PDB file of N, CA and C in Angstrom:
ATOM      1  N   MET A   1     176.258 206.372 109.877  1.00  0.00           N
ATOM      2  CA  MET A   1     175.297 205.749 109.267  1.00  0.00           C
ATOM      3  C   MET A   1     175.589 205.646 107.761  1.00  0.00           C
ATOM      4  N   THR A   2     175.923 204.338 107.359  1.00  0.00           N
ATOM      5  CA  THR A   2     176.369 204.263 106.026  1.00  0.00           C
ATOM      6  C   THR A   2     175.203 204.214 104.894  1.00  0.00           C
ATOM      7  N   GLU A   3     175.719 204.376 103.642  1.00  0.00           N
ATOM      8  CA  GLU A   3     174.575 204.349 102.639  1.00  0.00           C
ATOM      9  C   GLU A   3     173.927 203.066 102.557  1.00  0.00           C
ATOM     10  N   ILE A   4     174.557 201.890 102.874  1.00  0.00           N
ATOM     11  CA  ILE A   4     173.811 200.582 102.794  1.00  0.00           C
ATOM     12  C   ILE A   4     172.699 200.458 103.892  1.00  0.00           C
ATOM     13  N   MET A   5     173.061 201.168 105.064  1.00  0.00           N
ATOM     14  CA  MET A   5     172.021 201.228 106.118  1.00  0.00           C
ATOM     15  C   MET A   5     170.851 202.202 105.654  1.00  0.00           C
ATOM     16  N   VAL A   6     171.134 203.296 105.167  1.00  0.00           N
ATOM     17  CA  VAL A   6     170.105 204.186 104.654  1.00  0.00           C
ATOM     18  C   VAL A   6     169.155 203.428 103.640  1.00  0.00           C
ATOM     19  N   VAL A   7     169.761 202.730 102.497  1.00  0.00           N
ATOM     20  CA  VAL A   7     169.043 202.073 101.598  1.00  0.00           C
ATOM     21  C   VAL A   7     168.175 201.014 102.033  1.00  0.00           C
ATOM     22  N   SER A   8     168.775 200.268 102.983  1.00  0.00           N
ATOM     23  CA  SER A   8     168.004 199.296 103.737  1.00  0.00           C
ATOM     24  C   SER A   8     166.855 199.774 104.483  1.00  0.00           C
ATOM     25  N   LEU A   9     167.184 200.984 105.208  1.00  0.00           N
ATOM     26  CA  LEU A   9     166.027 201.659 105.956  1.00  0.00           C
ATOM     27  C   LEU A   9     164.911 201.950 105.119  1.00  0.00           C
ATOM     28  N   VAL A  10     165.062 202.624 104.011  1.00  0.00           N
ATOM     29  CA  VAL A  10     164.255 203.179 103.016  1.00  0.00           C
ATOM     30  C   VAL A  10     163.440 201.915 102.409  1.00  0.00           C
ATOM     31  N   LYS A  11     164.010 200.965 102.067  1.00  0.00           N
ATOM     32  CA  LYS A  11     163.596 199.690 101.482  1.00  0.00           C
ATOM     33  C   LYS A  11     162.607 198.988 102.467  1.00  0.00           C
ATOM     34  N   GLU A  12     162.915 199.156 103.827  1.00  0.00           N
ATOM     35  CA  GLU A  12     162.007 198.786 104.707  1.00  0.00           C
ATOM     36  C   GLU A  12     160.891 199.490 104.996  1.00  0.00           C
ATOM     37  N   ALA A  13     160.962 200.729 104.922  1.00  0.00           N
ATOM     38  CA  ALA A  13     160.065 201.774 105.148  1.00  0.00           C
ATOM     39  C   ALA A  13     158.838 201.649 103.871  1.00  0.00           C
ATOM     40  N   PHE A  14     159.290 201.369 102.750  1.00  0.00           N
ATOM     41  CA  PHE A  14     158.505 200.991 101.510  1.00  0.00           C
ATOM     42  C   PHE A  14     157.841 199.856 101.835  1.00  0.00           C
ATOM     43  N   TYR A  15     158.436 198.870 102.303  1.00  0.00           N
ATOM     44  CA  TYR A  15     157.791 197.622 102.525  1.00  0.00           C
ATOM     45  C   TYR A  15     156.603 197.755 103.517  1.00  0.00           C
ATOM     46  N   TYR A  16     157.028 198.490 104.544  1.00  0.00           N
ATOM     47  CA  TYR A  16     155.879 198.588 105.618  1.00  0.00           C
ATOM     48  C   TYR A  16     154.863 199.348 105.069  1.00  0.00           C
ATOM     49  N   THR A  17     155.099 200.414 104.316  1.00  0.00           N
ATOM     50  CA  THR A  17     154.084 201.260 103.618  1.00  0.00           C
ATOM     51  C   THR A  17     153.184 200.377 102.899  1.00  0.00           C
ATOM     52  N   MET A  18     153.552 199.583 102.001  1.00  0.00           N
ATOM     53  CA  MET A  18     152.763 198.643 101.076  1.00  0.00           C
ATOM     54  C   MET A  18     152.193 197.615 102.034  1.00  0.00           C
ATOM     55  N   LEU A  19     152.805 197.216 103.021  1.00  0.00           N
ATOM     56  CA  LEU A  19     152.127 196.095 103.922  1.00  0.00           C
ATOM     57  C   LEU A  19     150.875 196.719 104.670  1.00  0.00           C
ATOM     58  N   VAL A  20     150.846 198.117 105.011  1.00  0.00           N
ATOM     59  CA  VAL A  20     149.968 198.625 105.741  1.00  0.00           C
ATOM     60  C   VAL A  20     148.644 199.232 104.749  1.00  0.00           C
ATOM     61  N   ALA A  21     149.196 199.884 103.777  1.00  0.00           N
ATOM     62  CA  ALA A  21     148.273 200.488 102.730  1.00  0.00           C
ATOM     63  C   ALA A  21     147.798 199.497 101.719  1.00  0.00           C
ATOM     64  N   GLY A  22     148.451 198.515 101.400  1.00  0.00           N
ATOM     65  CA  GLY A  22     148.026 197.547 100.328  1.00  0.00           C
ATOM     66  C   GLY A  22     146.801 196.959 100.484  1.00  0.00           C
ATOM     67  N   PRO A  23     146.358 196.331 101.536  1.00  0.00           N
ATOM     68  CA  PRO A  23     144.887 195.943 101.681  1.00  0.00           C
ATOM     69  C   PRO A  23     143.996 196.782 101.687  1.00  0.00           C
ATOM     70  N   ILE A  24     144.238 198.077 102.114  1.00  0.00           N
ATOM     71  CA  ILE A  24     143.104 199.083 101.904  1.00  0.00           C
ATOM     72  C   ILE A  24     142.888 199.576 100.394  1.00  0.00           C
ATOM     73  N   LEU A  25     144.076 199.646  99.773  1.00  0.00           N
ATOM     74  CA  LEU A  25     144.040 200.097  98.495  1.00  0.00           C
ATOM     75  C   LEU A  25     143.322 199.051  97.669  1.00  0.00           C
ATOM     76  N   LEU A  26     143.720 197.748  97.834  1.00  0.00           N
ATOM     77  CA  LEU A  26     143.216 196.595  97.243  1.00  0.00           C
ATOM     78  C   LEU A  26     141.671 196.567  97.199  1.00  0.00           C
ATOM     79  N   VAL A  27     141.155 196.593  98.604  1.00  0.00           N
ATOM     80  CA  VAL A  27     139.632 196.577  98.835  1.00  0.00           C
ATOM     81  C   VAL A  27     139.013 197.845  98.079  1.00  0.00           C
ATOM     82  N   SER A  28     139.488 198.985  98.023  1.00  0.00           N
ATOM     83  CA  SER A  28     139.045 200.145  97.297  1.00  0.00           C
ATOM     84  C   SER A  28     139.065 199.857  95.776  1.00  0.00           C
ATOM     85  N   LEU A  29     139.947 199.345  95.307  1.00  0.00           N
ATOM     86  CA  LEU A  29     140.117 198.911  93.922  1.00  0.00           C
ATOM     87  C   LEU A  29     139.265 197.982  93.560  1.00  0.00           C
ATOM     88  N   ILE A  30     138.838 196.973  94.196  1.00  0.00           N
ATOM     89  CA  ILE A  30     137.847 195.906  94.062  1.00  0.00           C
ATOM     90  C   ILE A  30     136.486 196.399  94.175  1.00  0.00           C
ATOM     91  N   VAL A  31     136.232 197.087  95.102  1.00  0.00           N
ATOM     92  CA  VAL A  31     134.903 197.900  95.231  1.00  0.00           C
ATOM     93  C   VAL A  31     134.718 198.703  93.930  1.00  0.00           C
ATOM     94  N   GLY A  32     135.521 199.520  93.752  1.00  0.00           N
ATOM     95  CA  GLY A  32     135.317 200.305  92.601  1.00  0.00           C
ATOM     96  C   GLY A  32     135.064 199.648  91.278  1.00  0.00           C
ATOM     97  N   LEU A  33     135.714 198.524  91.008  1.00  0.00           N
ATOM     98  CA  LEU A  33     135.705 197.724  89.881  1.00  0.00           C
ATOM     99  C   LEU A  33     134.275 197.159  89.898  1.00  0.00           C
ATOM    100  N   ILE A  34     133.909 196.513  90.952  1.00  0.00           N
ATOM    101  CA  ILE A  34     132.534 195.995  91.011  1.00  0.00           C
ATOM    102  C   ILE A  34     131.446 197.037  90.672  1.00  0.00           C
ATOM    103  N   ILE A  35     131.640 198.230  91.333  1.00  0.00           N
ATOM    104  CA  ILE A  35     130.710 199.229  91.042  1.00  0.00           C
ATOM    105  C   ILE A  35     130.582 199.703  89.648  1.00  0.00           C
ATOM    106  N   SER A  36     131.788 199.680  89.072  1.00  0.00           N
ATOM    107  CA  SER A  36     131.955 200.127  87.730  1.00  0.00           C
ATOM    108  C   SER A  36     131.328 199.072  86.672  1.00  0.00           C
ATOM    109  N   ILE A  37     131.395 197.842  86.980  1.00  0.00           N
ATOM    110  CA  ILE A  37     130.733 196.819  86.218  1.00  0.00           C
ATOM    111  C   ILE A  37     129.282 197.036  86.297  1.00  0.00           C
ATOM    112  N   PHE A  38     128.805 197.062  87.564  1.00  0.00           N
ATOM    113  CA  PHE A  38     127.335 197.516  87.806  1.00  0.00           C
ATOM    114  C   PHE A  38     126.702 198.523  86.975  1.00  0.00           C
ATOM    115  N   GLN A  39     127.584 199.641  86.981  1.00  0.00           N
ATOM    116  CA  GLN A  39     127.148 200.831  86.207  1.00  0.00           C
ATOM    117  C   GLN A  39     127.149 200.585  84.865  1.00  0.00           C
ATOM    118  N   ALA A  40     128.046 199.764  84.176  1.00  0.00           N
ATOM    119  CA  ALA A  40     128.036 199.491  82.953  1.00  0.00           C
ATOM    120  C   ALA A  40     126.893 198.703  82.493  1.00  0.00           C
ATOM    121  N   ALA A  41     126.480 197.727  83.357  1.00  0.00           N
ATOM    122  CA  ALA A  41     125.668 196.774  83.057  1.00  0.00           C
ATOM    123  C   ALA A  41     124.186 197.393  83.138  1.00  0.00           C
ATOM    124  N   THR A  42     123.942 198.447  83.785  1.00  0.00           N
ATOM    125  CA  THR A  42     122.728 199.016  84.265  1.00  0.00           C
ATOM    126  C   THR A  42     122.645 200.398  83.439  1.00  0.00           C
ATOM    127  N   SER A  43     123.588 200.778  82.825  1.00  0.00           N
ATOM    128  CA  SER A  43     123.755 202.004  82.133  1.00  0.00           C
ATOM    129  C   SER A  43     123.419 203.344  82.974  1.00  0.00           C
ATOM    130  N   ILE A  44     123.925 203.110  84.302  1.00  0.00           N
ATOM    131  CA  ILE A  44     123.746 204.157  85.227  1.00  0.00           C
ATOM    132  C   ILE A  44     125.191 204.994  85.146  1.00  0.00           C
ATOM    133  N   SER A  45     125.223 206.251  84.850  1.00  0.00           N
ATOM    134  CA  SER A  45     126.402 206.977  84.626  1.00  0.00           C
ATOM    135  C   SER A  45     126.668 208.177  85.818  1.00  0.00           C
ATOM    136  N   GLU A  46     126.081 207.601  87.114  1.00  0.00           N
ATOM    137  CA  GLU A  46     126.223 208.699  88.146  1.00  0.00           C
ATOM    138  C   GLU A  46     127.861 208.501  88.590  1.00  0.00           C
ATOM    139  N   GLN A  47     128.478 209.730  88.622  1.00  0.00           N
ATOM    140  CA  GLN A  47     129.763 209.681  89.003  1.00  0.00           C
ATOM    141  C   GLN A  47     130.132 209.505  90.624  1.00  0.00           C
ATOM    142  N   THR A  48     129.147 209.994  91.353  1.00  0.00           N
ATOM    143  CA  THR A  48     129.301 210.027  92.815  1.00  0.00           C
ATOM    144  C   THR A  48     128.699 208.465  93.439  1.00  0.00           C
ATOM    145  N   LEU A  49     128.357 207.550  92.689  1.00  0.00           N
ATOM    146  CA  LEU A  49     127.925 206.244  93.176  1.00  0.00           C
ATOM    147  C   LEU A  49     128.868 205.456  93.735  1.00  0.00           C
ATOM    148  N   THR A  50     130.141 205.715  93.484  1.00  0.00           N
ATOM    149  CA  THR A  50     131.266 204.727  93.849  1.00  0.00           C
ATOM    150  C   THR A  50     131.743 205.198  95.374  1.00  0.00           C
ATOM    151  N   PHE A  51     131.558 206.500  95.740  1.00  0.00           N
ATOM    152  CA  PHE A  51     132.102 207.102  96.999  1.00  0.00           C
ATOM    153  C   PHE A  51     131.586 206.335  98.272  1.00  0.00           C
ATOM    154  N   VAL A  52     130.293 206.287  98.276  1.00  0.00           N
ATOM    155  CA  VAL A  52     129.847 205.747  99.551  1.00  0.00           C
ATOM    156  C   VAL A  52     130.185 204.244  99.895  1.00  0.00           C
ATOM    157  N   PRO A  53     130.100 203.339  98.790  1.00  0.00           N
ATOM    158  CA  PRO A  53     130.424 202.051  99.135  1.00  0.00           C
ATOM    159  C   PRO A  53     131.935 201.830  99.193  1.00  0.00           C
ATOM    160  N   LYS A  54     132.711 202.640  98.532  1.00  0.00           N
ATOM    161  CA  LYS A  54     134.112 202.585  98.795  1.00  0.00           C
ATOM    162  C   LYS A  54     134.495 203.128 100.277  1.00  0.00           C
ATOM    163  N   LEU A  55     133.869 204.291 100.541  1.00  0.00           N
ATOM    164  CA  LEU A  55     134.103 204.621 102.185  1.00  0.00           C
ATOM    165  C   LEU A  55     133.677 203.601 103.263  1.00  0.00           C
ATOM    166  N   VAL A  56     132.603 203.034 102.936  1.00  0.00           N
ATOM    167  CA  VAL A  56     132.030 201.915 103.963  1.00  0.00           C
ATOM    168  C   VAL A  56     133.233 200.807 104.004  1.00  0.00           C
ATOM    169  N   ALA A  57     133.609 200.396 102.630  1.00  0.00           N
ATOM    170  CA  ALA A  57     134.533 199.214 102.529  1.00  0.00           C
ATOM    171  C   ALA A  57     135.828 199.481 103.299  1.00  0.00           C
ATOM    172  N   ILE A  58     136.324 200.763 102.963  1.00  0.00           N
ATOM    173  CA  ILE A  58     137.601 201.049 103.560  1.00  0.00           C
ATOM    174  C   ILE A  58     137.426 201.085 105.081  1.00  0.00           C
ATOM    175  N   PHE A  59     136.404 201.674 105.699  1.00  0.00           N
ATOM    176  CA  PHE A  59     136.217 201.723 106.874  1.00  0.00           C
ATOM    177  C   PHE A  59     136.142 200.420 107.565  1.00  0.00           C
ATOM    178  N   VAL A  60     135.448 199.323 107.086  1.00  0.00           N
ATOM    179  CA  VAL A  60     135.524 198.054 107.534  1.00  0.00           C
ATOM    180  C   VAL A  60     136.641 197.383 107.547  1.00  0.00           C
ATOM    181  N   VAL A  61     137.582 197.613 106.491  1.00  0.00           N
ATOM    182  CA  VAL A  61     138.937 196.909 106.230  1.00  0.00           C
ATOM    183  C   VAL A  61     139.763 197.629 107.343  1.00  0.00           C
ATOM    184  N   ILE A  62     139.781 198.951 107.534  1.00  0.00           N
ATOM    185  CA  ILE A  62     140.572 199.484 108.534  1.00  0.00           C
ATOM    186  C   ILE A  62     140.199 198.956 109.934  1.00  0.00           C
ATOM    187  N   LEU A  63     138.865 198.788 110.329  1.00  0.00           N
ATOM    188  CA  LEU A  63     138.543 198.404 111.520  1.00  0.00           C
ATOM    189  C   LEU A  63     139.049 197.006 111.842  1.00  0.00           C
ATOM    190  N   LEU A  64     138.899 196.071 110.761  1.00  0.00           N
ATOM    191  CA  LEU A  64     139.343 194.744 110.885  1.00  0.00           C
ATOM    192  C   LEU A  64     140.855 194.601 110.908  1.00  0.00           C
ATOM    193  N   LEU A  65     141.633 195.416 110.242  1.00  0.00           N
ATOM    194  CA  LEU A  65     143.132 195.281 110.142  1.00  0.00           C
ATOM    195  C   LEU A  65     143.793 196.131 111.094  1.00  0.00           C
ATOM    196  N   LEU A  66     143.027 196.823 111.901  1.00  0.00           N
ATOM    197  CA  LEU A  66     143.728 197.939 112.927  1.00  0.00           C
ATOM    198  C   LEU A  66     144.688 197.255 113.831  1.00  0.00           C
ATOM    199  N   PRO A  67     144.375 196.157 114.488  1.00  0.00           N
ATOM    200  CA  PRO A  67     145.497 195.486 115.389  1.00  0.00           C
ATOM    201  C   PRO A  67     146.630 195.158 114.436  1.00  0.00           C
ATOM    202  N   PHE A  68     146.564 194.578 113.228  1.00  0.00           N
ATOM    203  CA  PHE A  68     147.730 194.215 112.587  1.00  0.00           C
ATOM    204  C   PHE A  68     148.486 195.651 112.021  1.00  0.00           C
ATOM    205  N   ILE A  69     147.817 196.499 111.611  1.00  0.00           N
ATOM    206  CA  ILE A  69     148.462 197.782 111.329  1.00  0.00           C
ATOM    207  C   ILE A  69     149.128 198.407 112.421  1.00  0.00           C
ATOM    208  N   ILE A  70     148.608 198.441 113.630  1.00  0.00           N
ATOM    209  CA  ILE A  70     149.245 198.790 114.798  1.00  0.00           C
ATOM    210  C   ILE A  70     150.415 198.171 115.052  1.00  0.00           C
ATOM    211  N   THR A  71     150.358 196.768 115.051  1.00  0.00           N
ATOM    212  CA  THR A  71     151.563 195.960 115.310  1.00  0.00           C
ATOM    213  C   THR A  71     152.664 196.355 114.428  1.00  0.00           C
ATOM    214  N   GLN A  72     152.378 196.445 113.028  1.00  0.00           N
ATOM    215  CA  GLN A  72     153.504 196.672 112.144  1.00  0.00           C
ATOM    216  C   GLN A  72     154.243 198.089 112.300  1.00  0.00           C
ATOM    217  N   LEU A  73     153.344 198.944 112.540  1.00  0.00           N
ATOM    218  CA  LEU A  73     153.863 200.301 112.674  1.00  0.00           C
ATOM    219  C   LEU A  73     154.688 200.464 113.902  1.00  0.00           C
ATOM    220  N   LYS A  74     154.218 199.705 115.249  1.00  0.00           N
ATOM    221  CA  LYS A  74     154.898 199.626 116.447  1.00  0.00           C
ATOM    222  C   LYS A  74     156.333 199.052 116.255  1.00  0.00           C
ATOM    223  N   ASP A  75     156.395 197.942 115.528  1.00  0.00           N
ATOM    224  CA  ASP A  75     157.624 197.284 115.331  1.00  0.00           C
ATOM    225  C   ASP A  75     158.406 198.012 114.462  1.00  0.00           C
ATOM    226  N   PHE A  76     158.108 198.680 113.538  1.00  0.00           N
ATOM    227  CA  PHE A  76     159.037 199.651 112.665  1.00  0.00           C
ATOM    228  C   PHE A  76     159.589 200.711 113.510  1.00  0.00           C
ATOM    229  N   THR A  77     158.592 201.361 114.330  1.00  0.00           N
ATOM    230  CA  THR A  77     158.993 202.382 115.054  1.00  0.00           C
ATOM    231  C   THR A  77     160.009 202.010 116.235  1.00  0.00           C
ATOM    232  N   ILE A  78     159.791 200.941 116.830  1.00  0.00           N
ATOM    233  CA  ILE A  78     160.799 200.478 117.797  1.00  0.00           C
ATOM    234  C   ILE A  78     162.015 200.163 117.014  1.00  0.00           C
ATOM    235  N   ARG A  79     162.099 199.745 115.866  1.00  0.00           N
ATOM    236  CA  ARG A  79     163.390 199.245 115.018  1.00  0.00           C
ATOM    237  C   ARG A  79     164.147 200.757 114.719  1.00  0.00           C
ATOM    238  N   ILE A  80     163.489 201.625 114.422  1.00  0.00           N
ATOM    239  CA  ILE A  80     164.100 202.971 114.180  1.00  0.00           C
ATOM    240  C   ILE A  80     164.518 203.523 115.428  1.00  0.00           C
ATOM    241  N   PHE A  81     163.829 203.579 116.382  1.00  0.00           N
ATOM    242  CA  PHE A  81     164.314 204.156 117.764  1.00  0.00           C
ATOM    243  C   PHE A  81     165.720 203.133 118.162  1.00  0.00           C
ATOM    244  N   ASN A  82     165.667 202.014 117.997  1.00  0.00           N
ATOM    245  CA  ASN A  82     166.917 201.163 118.409  1.00  0.00           C
ATOM    246  C   ASN A  82     167.939 201.507 117.426  1.00  0.00           C
ATOM    247  N   LEU A  83     167.866 201.792 116.250  1.00  0.00           N
ATOM    248  CA  LEU A  83     168.818 202.283 115.259  1.00  0.00           C
ATOM    249  C   LEU A  83     169.426 203.661 115.764  1.00  0.00           C
ATOM    250  N   ILE A  84     168.461 204.534 116.148  1.00  0.00           N
ATOM    251  CA  ILE A  84     169.023 205.752 116.657  1.00  0.00           C
ATOM    252  C   ILE A  84     169.861 205.719 117.900  1.00  0.00           C
ATOM    253  N   GLN A  85     169.613 204.814 118.885  1.00  0.00           N
ATOM    254  CA  GLN A  85     170.346 204.547 119.991  1.00  0.00           C
ATOM    255  C   GLN A  85     171.747 204.101 119.656  1.00  0.00           C
ATOM    256  N   THR A  86     172.009 203.350 118.499  1.00  0.00           N
ATOM    257  CA  THR A  86     173.286 202.769 118.196  1.00  0.00           C
ATOM    258  C   THR A  86     174.071 203.730 117.475  1.00  0.00           C
ATOM    259  N   MET A  87     173.561 204.848 117.068  1.00  0.00           N
ATOM    260  CA  MET A  87     174.483 205.916 116.465  1.00  0.00           C
ATOM    261  C   MET A  87     175.219 206.677 117.418  1.00  0.00           C
TER     262      MET A  87
END
């Protein structure tokens, strides 16, 4: 395995990580921002108010994107196993 293959593999792993985790993190960020704006507008300073809506939003996004996530992870895993066979 050459250095170029290793760098390419790490680059691809980071790409798939962002592809899988990106939408979940983005939804969490948007929900947190909306709740923070609501808290600022209503002068509610409860720190735990953001957890339940974020958990619900993340759960919904994971349920909706689960087929996509599984497909992406399966493709990457198959690619890794095919690389192992060629060594």
